[in-house]
Amino acid sequence: MAKNIRGNGDGENGENDSYTIHGRGIVSRDDLVEEVKNGKHPNHHVINRDGDEYVRSNPDCSESNNINKEK
């Protein structure tokens, strides 16, 4: 279970094609989406944007702790 997941912004248009998990390293978007869907990272959820799924952290009071906070 990861507390802090960072989006790498490594996609063609700056989207997250991979994420970095401290102590684990780089994880592909597809793998992380499946892990979140399977409940392995309960502080995170999956969103669908234009048919692609991405991982986001559940909102909390610390903006620095949220992956690509939705505006």
N, C-alpha and C. Protein backbone atom coordinates (compact mmCIF):
# COMPACT_ATOMS: atom_id res chain seq x y z
N MET A 1 0.85 -1.18 0.00
CA MET A 1 0.00 0.00 0.00
C MET A 1 0.89 1.24 0.00
N ALA A 2 0.68 2.09 -0.96
CA ALA A 2 1.47 3.32 -1.09
C ALA A 2 0.71 4.51 -0.49
N LYS A 3 1.42 5.30 0.28
CA LYS A 3 0.83 6.55 0.79
C LYS A 3 1.04 7.66 -0.21
N ASN A 4 2.23 7.72 -0.80
CA ASN A 4 2.56 8.80 -1.72
C ASN A 4 2.88 8.23 -3.10
N ILE A 5 2.10 8.63 -4.06
CA ILE A 5 2.30 8.23 -5.45
C ILE A 5 2.44 9.51 -6.25
N ARG A 6 3.49 9.57 -7.07
CA ARG A 6 3.73 10.78 -7.87
C ARG A 6 3.52 10.47 -9.34
N GLY A 7 2.71 11.29 -10.01
CA GLY A 7 2.54 11.17 -11.45
C GLY A 7 3.78 11.70 -12.14
N ASN A 8 4.25 11.01 -13.16
CA ASN A 8 5.50 11.39 -13.83
C ASN A 8 5.33 12.37 -14.98
N GLY A 9 4.11 12.58 -15.46
CA GLY A 9 3.88 13.53 -16.55
C GLY A 9 4.67 13.18 -17.80
N ASP A 10 4.83 11.89 -18.05
CA ASP A 10 5.71 11.42 -19.13
C ASP A 10 4.96 11.02 -20.40
N GLY A 11 3.69 11.35 -20.50
CA GLY A 11 2.93 11.04 -21.71
C GLY A 11 3.15 12.09 -22.78
N GLU A 12 2.64 11.82 -23.96
CA GLU A 12 2.81 12.69 -25.11
C GLU A 12 2.36 14.12 -24.85
N ASN A 13 1.27 14.28 -24.10
CA ASN A 13 0.75 15.63 -23.80
C ASN A 13 0.90 15.98 -22.32
N GLY A 14 1.85 15.35 -21.65
CA GLY A 14 2.07 15.63 -20.24
C GLY A 14 1.23 14.81 -19.29
N GLU A 15 0.43 13.90 -19.83
CA GLU A 15 -0.35 13.04 -18.95
C GLU A 15 0.57 12.00 -18.29
N ASN A 16 0.06 11.32 -17.29
CA ASN A 16 0.86 10.33 -16.57
C ASN A 16 0.74 8.97 -17.25
N ASP A 17 1.79 8.57 -17.93
CA ASP A 17 1.86 7.20 -18.46
C ASP A 17 2.48 6.26 -17.45
N SER A 18 3.13 6.85 -16.43
CA SER A 18 3.68 6.06 -15.33
C SER A 18 3.66 6.91 -14.07
N TYR A 19 3.83 6.22 -12.95
CA TYR A 19 3.83 6.85 -11.64
C TYR A 19 5.05 6.35 -10.87
N THR A 20 5.51 7.14 -9.92
CA THR A 20 6.61 6.71 -9.06
C THR A 20 6.08 6.51 -7.65
N ILE A 21 6.37 5.35 -7.09
CA ILE A 21 6.01 5.02 -5.72
C ILE A 21 7.30 4.93 -4.93
N HIS A 22 7.41 5.75 -3.89
CA HIS A 22 8.61 5.78 -3.06
C HIS A 22 8.90 4.39 -2.51
N GLY A 23 10.13 3.93 -2.69
CA GLY A 23 10.54 2.63 -2.21
C GLY A 23 10.26 1.50 -3.18
N ARG A 24 9.52 1.79 -4.24
CA ARG A 24 9.18 0.77 -5.23
C ARG A 24 9.70 1.13 -6.62
N GLY A 25 9.64 2.41 -6.95
CA GLY A 25 10.10 2.85 -8.26
C GLY A 25 8.96 3.16 -9.19
N ILE A 26 9.22 3.06 -10.48
CA ILE A 26 8.26 3.44 -11.52
C ILE A 26 7.30 2.29 -11.80
N VAL A 27 6.01 2.65 -11.87
CA VAL A 27 4.94 1.69 -12.15
C VAL A 27 4.13 2.23 -13.32
N SER A 28 3.81 1.38 -14.29
CA SER A 28 3.04 1.83 -15.45
C SER A 28 1.63 2.23 -15.02
N ARG A 29 1.03 3.11 -15.81
CA ARG A 29 -0.34 3.57 -15.51
C ARG A 29 -1.30 2.39 -15.47
N ASP A 30 -1.22 1.50 -16.46
CA ASP A 30 -2.14 0.36 -16.51
C ASP A 30 -2.02 -0.52 -15.27
N ASP A 31 -0.78 -0.79 -14.83
CA ASP A 31 -0.58 -1.62 -13.65
C ASP A 31 -1.12 -0.94 -12.40
N LEU A 32 -0.85 0.35 -12.26
CA LEU A 32 -1.31 1.06 -11.07
C LEU A 32 -2.83 1.19 -11.03
N VAL A 33 -3.44 1.43 -12.18
CA VAL A 33 -4.91 1.49 -12.25
C VAL A 33 -5.50 0.18 -11.75
N GLU A 34 -4.96 -0.94 -12.19
CA GLU A 34 -5.46 -2.25 -11.75
C GLU A 34 -5.25 -2.44 -10.25
N GLU A 35 -4.09 -2.03 -9.73
CA GLU A 35 -3.83 -2.15 -8.30
C GLU A 35 -4.82 -1.33 -7.49
N VAL A 36 -5.12 -0.11 -7.94
CA VAL A 36 -6.07 0.74 -7.22
C VAL A 36 -7.46 0.12 -7.28
N LYS A 37 -7.86 -0.37 -8.44
CA LYS A 37 -9.17 -1.01 -8.58
C LYS A 37 -9.29 -2.23 -7.69
N ASN A 38 -8.17 -2.92 -7.44
CA ASN A 38 -8.17 -4.11 -6.59
C ASN A 38 -7.98 -3.78 -5.11
N GLY A 39 -8.00 -2.48 -4.77
CA GLY A 39 -7.95 -2.06 -3.38
C GLY A 39 -6.58 -2.04 -2.74
N LYS A 40 -5.52 -2.12 -3.54
CA LYS A 40 -4.17 -2.15 -2.98
C LYS A 40 -3.68 -0.79 -2.50
N HIS A 41 -4.32 0.29 -2.93
CA HIS A 41 -3.93 1.64 -2.53
C HIS A 41 -5.21 2.39 -2.13
N PRO A 42 -5.70 2.15 -0.90
CA PRO A 42 -7.01 2.67 -0.51
C PRO A 42 -7.11 4.19 -0.42
N ASN A 43 -6.02 4.90 -0.41
CA ASN A 43 -6.06 6.36 -0.38
C ASN A 43 -6.10 6.97 -1.77
N HIS A 44 -6.37 6.14 -2.78
CA HIS A 44 -6.37 6.59 -4.17
C HIS A 44 -7.60 6.04 -4.89
N HIS A 45 -7.96 6.68 -6.00
CA HIS A 45 -9.08 6.24 -6.81
C HIS A 45 -8.72 6.40 -8.29
N VAL A 46 -9.56 5.86 -9.15
CA VAL A 46 -9.35 5.91 -10.59
C VAL A 46 -10.37 6.85 -11.21
N ILE A 47 -9.89 7.69 -12.12
CA ILE A 47 -10.79 8.55 -12.89
C ILE A 47 -10.67 8.17 -14.36
N ASN A 48 -11.70 8.50 -15.11
CA ASN A 48 -11.70 8.26 -16.55
C ASN A 48 -11.75 9.61 -17.24
N ARG A 49 -10.75 9.89 -18.03
CA ARG A 49 -10.70 11.15 -18.76
C ARG A 49 -10.53 10.82 -20.24
N ASP A 50 -11.54 11.16 -21.01
CA ASP A 50 -11.54 10.93 -22.46
C ASP A 50 -11.23 9.48 -22.81
N GLY A 51 -11.77 8.55 -22.02
CA GLY A 51 -11.61 7.13 -22.30
C GLY A 51 -10.35 6.51 -21.71
N ASP A 52 -9.49 7.29 -21.10
CA ASP A 52 -8.28 6.77 -20.47
C ASP A 52 -8.42 6.86 -18.96
N GLU A 53 -7.94 5.84 -18.26
CA GLU A 53 -8.03 5.82 -16.81
C GLU A 53 -6.72 6.27 -16.18
N TYR A 54 -6.85 7.06 -15.12
CA TYR A 54 -5.70 7.61 -14.40
C TYR A 54 -5.94 7.46 -12.90
N VAL A 55 -4.86 7.43 -12.15
CA VAL A 55 -4.94 7.34 -10.70
C VAL A 55 -4.87 8.74 -10.10
N ARG A 56 -5.70 8.97 -9.10
CA ARG A 56 -5.69 10.22 -8.35
C ARG A 56 -5.73 9.88 -6.87
N SER A 57 -5.12 10.71 -6.07
CA SER A 57 -5.21 10.50 -4.63
C SER A 57 -6.53 11.06 -4.13
N ASN A 58 -7.05 10.45 -3.08
CA ASN A 58 -8.26 10.97 -2.47
C ASN A 58 -7.91 12.32 -1.85
N PRO A 59 -8.74 13.31 -2.01
CA PRO A 59 -8.44 14.65 -1.51
C PRO A 59 -8.22 14.68 -0.01
N ASP A 60 -7.27 15.47 0.40
CA ASP A 60 -7.08 15.76 1.81
C ASP A 60 -6.69 17.23 1.94
N CYS A 61 -6.34 17.65 3.11
CA CYS A 61 -6.06 19.07 3.33
C CYS A 61 -4.70 19.51 2.83
N SER A 62 -3.85 18.59 2.37
CA SER A 62 -2.51 18.93 1.91
C SER A 62 -2.42 18.86 0.40
N GLU A 63 -2.37 20.01 -0.27
CA GLU A 63 -2.32 20.03 -1.73
C GLU A 63 -1.09 19.30 -2.25
N SER A 64 0.03 19.38 -1.52
CA SER A 64 1.27 18.74 -1.97
C SER A 64 1.17 17.22 -1.93
N ASN A 65 0.15 16.69 -1.28
CA ASN A 65 -0.02 15.25 -1.13
C ASN A 65 -1.03 14.69 -2.13
N ASN A 66 -1.50 15.49 -3.07
CA ASN A 66 -2.52 15.05 -4.01
C ASN A 66 -1.95 14.97 -5.43
N ILE A 67 -2.13 13.81 -6.08
CA ILE A 67 -1.66 13.63 -7.46
C ILE A 67 -2.52 14.49 -8.38
N ASN A 68 -1.88 15.42 -9.09
CA ASN A 68 -2.57 16.21 -10.11
C ASN A 68 -3.98 16.60 -9.68
N LYS A 69 -4.06 17.30 -8.60
CA LYS A 69 -5.34 17.72 -8.04
C LYS A 69 -6.25 18.32 -9.12
N GLU A 70 -7.47 17.80 -9.19
CA GLU A 70 -8.45 18.30 -10.15
C GLU A 70 -8.84 19.72 -9.77
N LYS A 71 -8.98 20.58 -10.75
CA LYS A 71 -9.37 21.98 -10.48
C LYS A 71 -10.79 22.21 -10.89
